[in-house]
């Protein structure tokens, strides 16, 4: 399962896949912002970039409700 890879590398790869990044973007390592949280580069035209604040909040609430069930 781990293919001899570190857990953080496996998780980073899964996040990249979830973000729908192409192979070029997947080759880039995540960057860290000042709070030490990894940042993954995404396409400038990603769906979230076109969503209103209300839509983003609705998606978050839907996600949280899904975790409770």
N, C-alpha and C. Protein backbone atom coordinates (compact mmCIF):
# COMPACT_ATOMS: atom_id res chain seq x y z
N UNK A 1 0.82 -1.19 0.00
CA UNK A 1 0.00 0.00 0.00
C UNK A 1 0.86 1.26 0.00
N UNK A 2 1.86 1.35 0.87
CA UNK A 2 2.62 2.59 0.96
C UNK A 2 3.72 2.69 -0.08
N UNK A 3 4.02 1.60 -0.77
CA UNK A 3 5.01 1.60 -1.85
C UNK A 3 6.35 2.17 -1.41
N UNK A 4 6.67 2.04 -0.12
CA UNK A 4 7.93 2.57 0.38
C UNK A 4 7.96 4.09 0.48
N UNK A 5 6.80 4.71 0.41
CA UNK A 5 6.73 6.18 0.48
C UNK A 5 6.35 6.63 1.88
N UNK A 6 6.72 7.85 2.21
CA UNK A 6 6.34 8.42 3.50
C UNK A 6 4.85 8.76 3.47
N UNK A 7 4.22 8.69 4.63
CA UNK A 7 2.79 8.98 4.74
C UNK A 7 2.47 10.38 4.22
N UNK A 8 3.30 11.37 4.55
CA UNK A 8 3.02 12.74 4.11
C UNK A 8 3.04 12.84 2.58
N UNK A 9 3.88 12.05 1.91
CA UNK A 9 3.93 12.08 0.45
C UNK A 9 2.68 11.43 -0.14
N UNK A 10 2.21 10.36 0.48
CA UNK A 10 0.99 9.70 0.01
C UNK A 10 -0.20 10.63 0.17
N UNK A 11 -0.30 11.28 1.33
CA UNK A 11 -1.40 12.20 1.59
C UNK A 11 -1.35 13.38 0.62
N UNK A 12 -0.17 13.93 0.38
CA UNK A 12 -0.04 15.04 -0.55
C UNK A 12 -0.49 14.64 -1.95
N UNK A 13 -0.14 13.42 -2.37
CA UNK A 13 -0.56 12.94 -3.68
C UNK A 13 -2.08 12.80 -3.75
N UNK A 14 -2.69 12.29 -2.69
CA UNK A 14 -4.14 12.15 -2.67
C UNK A 14 -4.83 13.51 -2.72
N UNK A 15 -4.28 14.49 -2.03
CA UNK A 15 -4.85 15.84 -2.07
C UNK A 15 -4.74 16.42 -3.48
N UNK A 16 -3.59 16.24 -4.11
CA UNK A 16 -3.43 16.74 -5.47
C UNK A 16 -4.45 16.10 -6.41
N UNK A 17 -4.65 14.79 -6.27
CA UNK A 17 -5.64 14.11 -7.11
C UNK A 17 -7.03 14.66 -6.86
N UNK A 18 -7.33 14.90 -5.60
CA UNK A 18 -8.64 15.44 -5.24
C UNK A 18 -8.86 16.84 -5.79
N UNK A 19 -7.79 17.60 -5.93
CA UNK A 19 -7.89 18.94 -6.50
C UNK A 19 -7.92 18.91 -8.02
N UNK A 20 -7.74 17.73 -8.59
CA UNK A 20 -7.79 17.59 -10.04
C UNK A 20 -6.60 18.22 -10.74
N UNK A 21 -5.46 18.19 -10.12
CA UNK A 21 -4.28 18.81 -10.70
C UNK A 21 -3.71 17.96 -11.82
N UNK A 22 -3.15 18.61 -12.82
CA UNK A 22 -2.53 17.88 -13.91
C UNK A 22 -1.15 17.37 -13.47
N UNK A 23 -0.51 16.59 -14.34
CA UNK A 23 0.77 15.97 -13.99
C UNK A 23 1.85 17.00 -13.67
N UNK A 24 1.84 18.13 -14.37
CA UNK A 24 2.85 19.17 -14.11
C UNK A 24 2.68 19.72 -12.71
N UNK A 25 1.45 20.02 -12.34
CA UNK A 25 1.20 20.56 -11.00
C UNK A 25 1.48 19.52 -9.93
N UNK A 26 1.22 18.25 -10.24
CA UNK A 26 1.49 17.19 -9.27
C UNK A 26 2.97 17.06 -8.98
N UNK A 27 3.80 17.41 -9.96
CA UNK A 27 5.25 17.28 -9.78
C UNK A 27 5.78 18.34 -8.81
N UNK A 28 5.04 19.42 -8.62
CA UNK A 28 5.48 20.48 -7.72
C UNK A 28 5.24 20.08 -6.28
N UNK A 29 6.15 20.41 -5.43
CA UNK A 29 5.97 20.14 -4.01
C UNK A 29 5.05 21.20 -3.43
N UNK A 30 4.26 20.83 -2.42
CA UNK A 30 3.42 21.85 -1.79
C UNK A 30 4.31 22.88 -1.10
N UNK A 31 3.85 24.11 -1.11
CA UNK A 31 4.56 25.18 -0.42
C UNK A 31 3.93 25.36 0.95
N UNK A 32 4.63 25.97 1.86
CA UNK A 32 4.07 26.25 3.17
C UNK A 32 3.92 27.75 3.33
N UNK A 33 2.78 28.15 3.90
CA UNK A 33 2.59 29.56 4.18
C UNK A 33 3.16 29.86 5.57
N UNK A 34 3.11 31.10 6.02
CA UNK A 34 3.71 31.44 7.32
C UNK A 34 3.17 30.62 8.50
N UNK A 35 1.94 30.11 8.39
CA UNK A 35 1.39 29.32 9.50
C UNK A 35 1.79 27.85 9.39
N UNK A 36 2.67 27.53 8.44
CA UNK A 36 3.21 26.18 8.25
C UNK A 36 2.17 25.19 7.71
N UNK A 37 1.13 25.71 7.06
CA UNK A 37 0.12 24.86 6.43
C UNK A 37 0.51 24.67 4.97
N UNK A 38 0.53 23.42 4.47
CA UNK A 38 0.92 23.22 3.06
C UNK A 38 -0.09 23.84 2.10
N UNK A 39 0.41 24.46 1.07
CA UNK A 39 -0.42 25.05 0.02
C UNK A 39 -0.16 24.29 -1.27
N UNK A 40 -1.23 23.92 -1.96
CA UNK A 40 -1.11 23.19 -3.21
C UNK A 40 -1.53 24.11 -4.35
N UNK A 41 -0.66 24.29 -5.36
CA UNK A 41 -1.03 25.16 -6.48
C UNK A 41 -2.22 24.55 -7.22
N UNK A 42 -3.16 25.41 -7.63
CA UNK A 42 -4.33 24.94 -8.39
C UNK A 42 -4.49 25.78 -9.64
N UNK A 43 -5.30 25.30 -10.54
CA UNK A 43 -5.61 26.04 -11.75
C UNK A 43 -6.34 27.32 -11.38
N UNK A 44 -6.00 28.43 -12.01
CA UNK A 44 -6.64 29.71 -11.71
C UNK A 44 -8.13 29.68 -11.98
N UNK A 45 -8.58 28.75 -12.81
CA UNK A 45 -10.00 28.66 -13.15
C UNK A 45 -10.67 27.51 -12.39
N UNK A 46 -10.16 27.17 -11.21
CA UNK A 46 -10.75 26.10 -10.41
C UNK A 46 -12.17 26.48 -10.02
N UNK A 47 -13.07 25.51 -9.86
CA UNK A 47 -14.46 25.82 -9.54
C UNK A 47 -14.62 26.74 -8.33
N UNK A 48 -13.83 26.55 -7.30
CA UNK A 48 -13.97 27.37 -6.09
C UNK A 48 -13.69 28.84 -6.38
N UNK A 49 -12.88 29.13 -7.39
CA UNK A 49 -12.57 30.53 -7.70
C UNK A 49 -13.77 31.26 -8.29
N UNK A 50 -14.77 30.49 -8.75
CA UNK A 50 -15.97 31.10 -9.33
C UNK A 50 -17.17 31.06 -8.38
N UNK A 51 -16.96 30.52 -7.19
CA UNK A 51 -18.07 30.37 -6.24
C UNK A 51 -18.21 31.62 -5.38
N UNK A 52 -19.46 31.92 -5.01
CA UNK A 52 -19.70 33.02 -4.08
C UNK A 52 -19.38 32.54 -2.67
N UNK A 53 -19.28 33.47 -1.74
CA UNK A 53 -19.02 33.11 -0.35
C UNK A 53 -20.14 32.20 0.16
N UNK A 54 -21.38 32.52 -0.20
CA UNK A 54 -22.52 31.70 0.22
C UNK A 54 -22.43 30.28 -0.29
N UNK A 55 -21.98 30.11 -1.53
CA UNK A 55 -21.83 28.77 -2.11
C UNK A 55 -20.74 27.98 -1.40
N UNK A 56 -19.64 28.65 -1.08
CA UNK A 56 -18.54 27.98 -0.37
C UNK A 56 -19.01 27.54 1.02
N UNK A 57 -19.75 28.41 1.71
CA UNK A 57 -20.27 28.05 3.04
C UNK A 57 -21.24 26.88 2.94
N UNK A 58 -22.10 26.88 1.91
CA UNK A 58 -23.05 25.78 1.72
C UNK A 58 -22.32 24.46 1.50
N UNK A 59 -21.26 24.48 0.71
CA UNK A 59 -20.47 23.26 0.48
C UNK A 59 -19.84 22.79 1.78
N UNK A 60 -19.30 23.73 2.56
CA UNK A 60 -18.70 23.36 3.84
C UNK A 60 -19.73 22.74 4.77
N UNK A 61 -20.91 23.35 4.86
CA UNK A 61 -21.96 22.82 5.74
C UNK A 61 -22.41 21.44 5.27
N UNK A 62 -22.54 21.26 3.98
CA UNK A 62 -22.93 19.96 3.44
C UNK A 62 -21.87 18.91 3.78
N UNK A 63 -20.62 19.30 3.69
CA UNK A 63 -19.52 18.38 4.02
C UNK A 63 -19.57 18.00 5.50
N UNK A 64 -19.81 18.98 6.36
CA UNK A 64 -19.86 18.70 7.80
C UNK A 64 -21.04 17.80 8.14
N UNK A 65 -22.18 18.01 7.49
CA UNK A 65 -23.34 17.16 7.72
C UNK A 65 -23.05 15.73 7.27
N UNK A 66 -22.32 15.58 6.19
CA UNK A 66 -21.97 14.26 5.69
C UNK A 66 -21.07 13.51 6.65
N UNK A 67 -20.23 14.24 7.38
CA UNK A 67 -19.33 13.61 8.35
C UNK A 67 -20.08 13.09 9.56
N UNK A 68 -21.21 13.72 9.88
CA UNK A 68 -21.98 13.33 11.06
C UNK A 68 -22.79 12.07 10.83
N UNK A 69 -23.08 11.76 9.58
CA UNK A 69 -23.92 10.58 9.31
C UNK A 69 -23.09 9.35 9.10
